[in-house]
Amino acid sequence: MNSYHVTWVHYARSLLAAAWLSASDRNAVTRAQAAIDKALATDPKMFGRELSEGLWKIDIAPLGAFYEIDDANTTVTVTDMAFVP
């Protein structure tokens, strides 16, 4: 299996930065982001769930990331994120 290249669009990176700045536990946000990147690079379909055609979500508390998968180019693009319990 090929690994995927994971990128975060500017909007999602901005939300991630805001989440980190406002978090009471910044280390938890950092760990969650690293775990999301690792899971999506490994197998984005196994670790996430499809919400609608082409839109996926992965939750690793305290973050949730919305993403799209391009199997042909083995890329994952994180398009949005949110806090999750």
N, C-alpha and C. Protein backbone atom coordinates (compact mmCIF):
# COMPACT_ATOMS: atom_id res chain seq x y z
N MET A 1 0.84 -1.18 0.00
CA MET A 1 0.00 0.00 0.00
C MET A 1 0.88 1.24 0.00
N ASN A 2 0.51 2.21 -0.82
CA ASN A 2 1.23 3.47 -0.87
C ASN A 2 0.75 4.37 0.25
N SER A 3 1.67 5.17 0.77
CA SER A 3 1.23 6.16 1.74
C SER A 3 0.72 7.39 1.00
N TYR A 4 -0.13 8.13 1.65
CA TYR A 4 -0.73 9.32 1.08
C TYR A 4 0.01 10.56 1.56
N HIS A 5 0.03 11.58 0.70
CA HIS A 5 0.58 12.88 1.06
C HIS A 5 -0.58 13.71 1.61
N VAL A 6 -0.43 14.23 2.81
CA VAL A 6 -1.49 14.98 3.47
C VAL A 6 -1.17 16.47 3.43
N THR A 7 -2.11 17.28 2.98
CA THR A 7 -1.96 18.73 3.01
C THR A 7 -3.19 19.34 3.66
N TRP A 8 -2.99 20.45 4.31
CA TRP A 8 -4.07 21.23 4.92
C TRP A 8 -4.20 22.51 4.13
N VAL A 9 -5.40 22.81 3.62
CA VAL A 9 -5.60 24.07 2.91
C VAL A 9 -5.45 25.22 3.91
N HIS A 10 -5.23 26.41 3.39
CA HIS A 10 -4.97 27.57 4.24
C HIS A 10 -6.08 27.77 5.28
N TYR A 11 -7.33 27.64 4.87
CA TYR A 11 -8.46 27.82 5.79
C TYR A 11 -8.38 26.84 6.96
N ALA A 12 -8.12 25.58 6.66
CA ALA A 12 -8.03 24.56 7.72
C ALA A 12 -6.83 24.82 8.63
N ARG A 13 -5.71 25.24 8.05
CA ARG A 13 -4.53 25.58 8.87
C ARG A 13 -4.82 26.76 9.78
N SER A 14 -5.57 27.73 9.28
CA SER A 14 -5.94 28.88 10.10
C SER A 14 -6.82 28.47 11.27
N LEU A 15 -7.79 27.58 11.01
CA LEU A 15 -8.64 27.08 12.08
C LEU A 15 -7.84 26.28 13.10
N LEU A 16 -6.89 25.50 12.61
CA LEU A 16 -6.04 24.72 13.50
C LEU A 16 -5.22 25.64 14.40
N ALA A 17 -4.66 26.69 13.82
CA ALA A 17 -3.88 27.65 14.61
C ALA A 17 -4.76 28.32 15.67
N ALA A 18 -5.96 28.71 15.29
CA ALA A 18 -6.88 29.33 16.24
C ALA A 18 -7.26 28.35 17.34
N ALA A 19 -7.47 27.10 16.98
CA ALA A 19 -7.80 26.07 17.97
C ALA A 19 -6.65 25.89 18.95
N TRP A 20 -5.44 25.88 18.44
CA TRP A 20 -4.28 25.71 19.30
C TRP A 20 -4.14 26.90 20.25
N LEU A 21 -4.33 28.11 19.72
CA LEU A 21 -4.19 29.31 20.56
C LEU A 21 -5.25 29.38 21.65
N SER A 22 -6.45 28.88 21.37
CA SER A 22 -7.53 28.97 22.35
C SER A 22 -7.64 27.75 23.26
N ALA A 23 -6.86 26.72 23.00
CA ALA A 23 -6.98 25.47 23.75
C ALA A 23 -6.41 25.60 25.16
N SER A 24 -7.08 24.96 26.10
CA SER A 24 -6.55 24.91 27.46
C SER A 24 -5.41 23.90 27.55
N ASP A 25 -5.40 22.93 26.63
CA ASP A 25 -4.33 21.93 26.57
C ASP A 25 -3.77 21.93 25.15
N ARG A 26 -2.82 22.79 24.90
CA ARG A 26 -2.23 22.91 23.56
C ARG A 26 -1.52 21.64 23.13
N ASN A 27 -0.95 20.91 24.08
CA ASN A 27 -0.28 19.66 23.72
C ASN A 27 -1.27 18.64 23.16
N ALA A 28 -2.49 18.64 23.68
CA ALA A 28 -3.51 17.72 23.16
C ALA A 28 -3.85 18.05 21.72
N VAL A 29 -3.92 19.33 21.39
CA VAL A 29 -4.20 19.75 20.01
C VAL A 29 -3.04 19.33 19.11
N THR A 30 -1.82 19.54 19.56
CA THR A 30 -0.65 19.15 18.78
C THR A 30 -0.61 17.65 18.54
N ARG A 31 -0.88 16.87 19.59
CA ARG A 31 -0.89 15.40 19.46
C ARG A 31 -2.00 14.94 18.51
N ALA A 32 -3.18 15.55 18.62
CA ALA A 32 -4.30 15.16 17.76
C ALA A 32 -3.98 15.46 16.30
N GLN A 33 -3.41 16.62 16.03
CA GLN A 33 -3.07 16.98 14.65
C GLN A 33 -2.04 16.01 14.08
N ALA A 34 -1.04 15.65 14.88
CA ALA A 34 -0.03 14.70 14.42
C ALA A 34 -0.65 13.32 14.17
N ALA A 35 -1.57 12.91 15.04
CA ALA A 35 -2.23 11.61 14.87
C ALA A 35 -3.13 11.61 13.64
N ILE A 36 -3.81 12.72 13.39
CA ILE A 36 -4.65 12.84 12.20
C ILE A 36 -3.78 12.72 10.95
N ASP A 37 -2.68 13.46 10.91
CA ASP A 37 -1.78 13.38 9.76
C ASP A 37 -1.27 11.96 9.53
N LYS A 38 -0.89 11.29 10.60
CA LYS A 38 -0.35 9.93 10.48
C LYS A 38 -1.43 8.96 9.98
N ALA A 39 -2.63 9.06 10.54
CA ALA A 39 -3.72 8.16 10.13
C ALA A 39 -4.09 8.39 8.67
N LEU A 40 -4.20 9.66 8.28
CA LEU A 40 -4.58 9.94 6.90
C LEU A 40 -3.50 9.56 5.91
N ALA A 41 -2.25 9.68 6.31
CA ALA A 41 -1.14 9.27 5.43
C ALA A 41 -1.10 7.75 5.28
N THR A 42 -1.54 7.05 6.31
CA THR A 42 -1.50 5.59 6.30
C THR A 42 -2.65 5.00 5.48
N ASP A 43 -3.88 5.36 5.84
CA ASP A 43 -5.06 4.82 5.16
C ASP A 43 -6.27 5.71 5.47
N PRO A 44 -6.50 6.73 4.66
CA PRO A 44 -7.57 7.69 4.98
C PRO A 44 -8.97 7.10 4.98
N LYS A 45 -9.19 6.01 4.28
CA LYS A 45 -10.53 5.40 4.27
C LYS A 45 -10.76 4.52 5.50
N MET A 46 -9.72 3.92 6.01
CA MET A 46 -9.86 3.06 7.17
C MET A 46 -10.07 3.87 8.45
N PHE A 47 -9.39 5.00 8.56
CA PHE A 47 -9.43 5.77 9.81
C PHE A 47 -10.52 6.83 9.84
N GLY A 48 -11.13 7.13 8.69
CA GLY A 48 -12.18 8.14 8.65
C GLY A 48 -13.50 7.53 8.24
N ARG A 49 -14.49 8.38 8.13
CA ARG A 49 -15.80 7.93 7.67
C ARG A 49 -16.29 8.89 6.59
N GLU A 50 -16.95 8.33 5.60
CA GLU A 50 -17.45 9.15 4.50
C GLU A 50 -18.78 9.78 4.92
N LEU A 51 -18.84 11.10 4.84
CA LEU A 51 -20.06 11.83 5.21
C LEU A 51 -20.99 11.98 4.03
N SER A 52 -20.43 12.25 2.89
CA SER A 52 -21.17 12.35 1.64
C SER A 52 -20.16 12.06 0.53
N GLU A 53 -20.65 11.99 -0.67
CA GLU A 53 -19.76 11.61 -1.77
C GLU A 53 -18.54 12.53 -1.84
N GLY A 54 -17.38 11.96 -1.51
CA GLY A 54 -16.12 12.70 -1.61
C GLY A 54 -15.71 13.47 -0.38
N LEU A 55 -16.58 13.57 0.64
CA LEU A 55 -16.24 14.28 1.87
C LEU A 55 -16.13 13.29 3.02
N TRP A 56 -14.99 13.32 3.66
CA TRP A 56 -14.69 12.39 4.75
C TRP A 56 -14.42 13.16 6.02
N LYS A 57 -14.50 12.46 7.17
CA LYS A 57 -14.17 13.08 8.46
C LYS A 57 -13.46 12.07 9.34
N ILE A 58 -12.48 12.57 10.05
CA ILE A 58 -11.78 11.79 11.06
C ILE A 58 -11.85 12.58 12.36
N ASP A 59 -12.11 11.89 13.47
CA ASP A 59 -12.14 12.51 14.79
C ASP A 59 -11.07 11.89 15.66
N ILE A 60 -10.17 12.73 16.12
CA ILE A 60 -9.20 12.35 17.13
C ILE A 60 -9.20 13.50 18.12
N ALA A 61 -9.87 13.27 19.24
CA ALA A 61 -10.09 14.34 20.22
C ALA A 61 -8.77 15.02 20.60
N PRO A 62 -8.83 16.34 20.65
CA PRO A 62 -9.99 17.21 20.61
C PRO A 62 -10.31 17.78 19.22
N LEU A 63 -9.80 17.17 18.16
CA LEU A 63 -10.00 17.71 16.81
C LEU A 63 -10.79 16.75 15.92
N GLY A 64 -11.48 17.34 14.99
CA GLY A 64 -12.09 16.61 13.89
C GLY A 64 -11.65 17.28 12.61
N ALA A 65 -11.28 16.50 11.62
CA ALA A 65 -10.82 17.06 10.35
C ALA A 65 -11.68 16.53 9.21
N PHE A 66 -12.09 17.44 8.34
CA PHE A 66 -12.84 17.09 7.14
C PHE A 66 -11.85 17.07 5.98
N TYR A 67 -11.97 16.06 5.11
CA TYR A 67 -10.97 15.92 4.06
C TYR A 67 -11.52 15.25 2.82
N GLU A 68 -10.75 15.40 1.75
CA GLU A 68 -11.04 14.76 0.47
C GLU A 68 -9.86 13.87 0.11
N ILE A 69 -10.15 12.78 -0.59
CA ILE A 69 -9.12 11.81 -0.97
C ILE A 69 -8.99 11.78 -2.48
N ASP A 70 -7.77 11.85 -2.95
CA ASP A 70 -7.46 11.68 -4.38
C ASP A 70 -6.62 10.42 -4.50
N ASP A 71 -7.29 9.28 -4.73
CA ASP A 71 -6.58 8.00 -4.80
C ASP A 71 -5.58 7.95 -5.95
N ALA A 72 -5.93 8.54 -7.06
CA ALA A 72 -5.05 8.50 -8.24
C ALA A 72 -3.70 9.15 -7.96
N ASN A 73 -3.71 10.21 -7.17
CA ASN A 73 -2.46 10.91 -6.85
C ASN A 73 -1.98 10.66 -5.42
N THR A 74 -2.63 9.73 -4.74
CA THR A 74 -2.35 9.39 -3.34
C THR A 74 -2.15 10.65 -2.49
N THR A 75 -3.17 11.52 -2.55
CA THR A 75 -3.15 12.72 -1.72
C THR A 75 -4.44 12.83 -0.92
N VAL A 76 -4.31 13.43 0.23
CA VAL A 76 -5.45 13.75 1.09
C VAL A 76 -5.36 15.25 1.36
N THR A 77 -6.48 15.94 1.18
CA THR A 77 -6.53 17.37 1.42
C THR A 77 -7.51 17.65 2.55
N VAL A 78 -6.98 18.18 3.65
CA VAL A 78 -7.82 18.57 4.78
C VAL A 78 -8.39 19.94 4.45
N THR A 79 -9.73 20.03 4.43
CA THR A 79 -10.39 21.25 3.99
C THR A 79 -11.02 22.06 5.12
N ASP A 80 -11.22 21.42 6.28
CA ASP A 80 -11.89 22.09 7.39
C ASP A 80 -11.58 21.30 8.65
N MET A 81 -11.78 21.91 9.81
CA MET A 81 -11.59 21.20 11.07
C MET A 81 -12.48 21.80 12.13
N ALA A 82 -12.68 21.05 13.21
CA ALA A 82 -13.52 21.49 14.32
C ALA A 82 -13.07 20.81 15.60
N PHE A 83 -13.48 21.37 16.71
CA PHE A 83 -13.26 20.70 17.98
C PHE A 83 -14.28 19.58 18.12
N VAL A 84 -13.88 18.46 18.71
CA VAL A 84 -14.80 17.35 19.01
C VAL A 84 -14.59 16.96 20.46
N PRO A 85 -15.62 16.41 21.07
CA PRO A 85 -15.48 15.98 22.48
C PRO A 85 -14.63 14.75 22.62
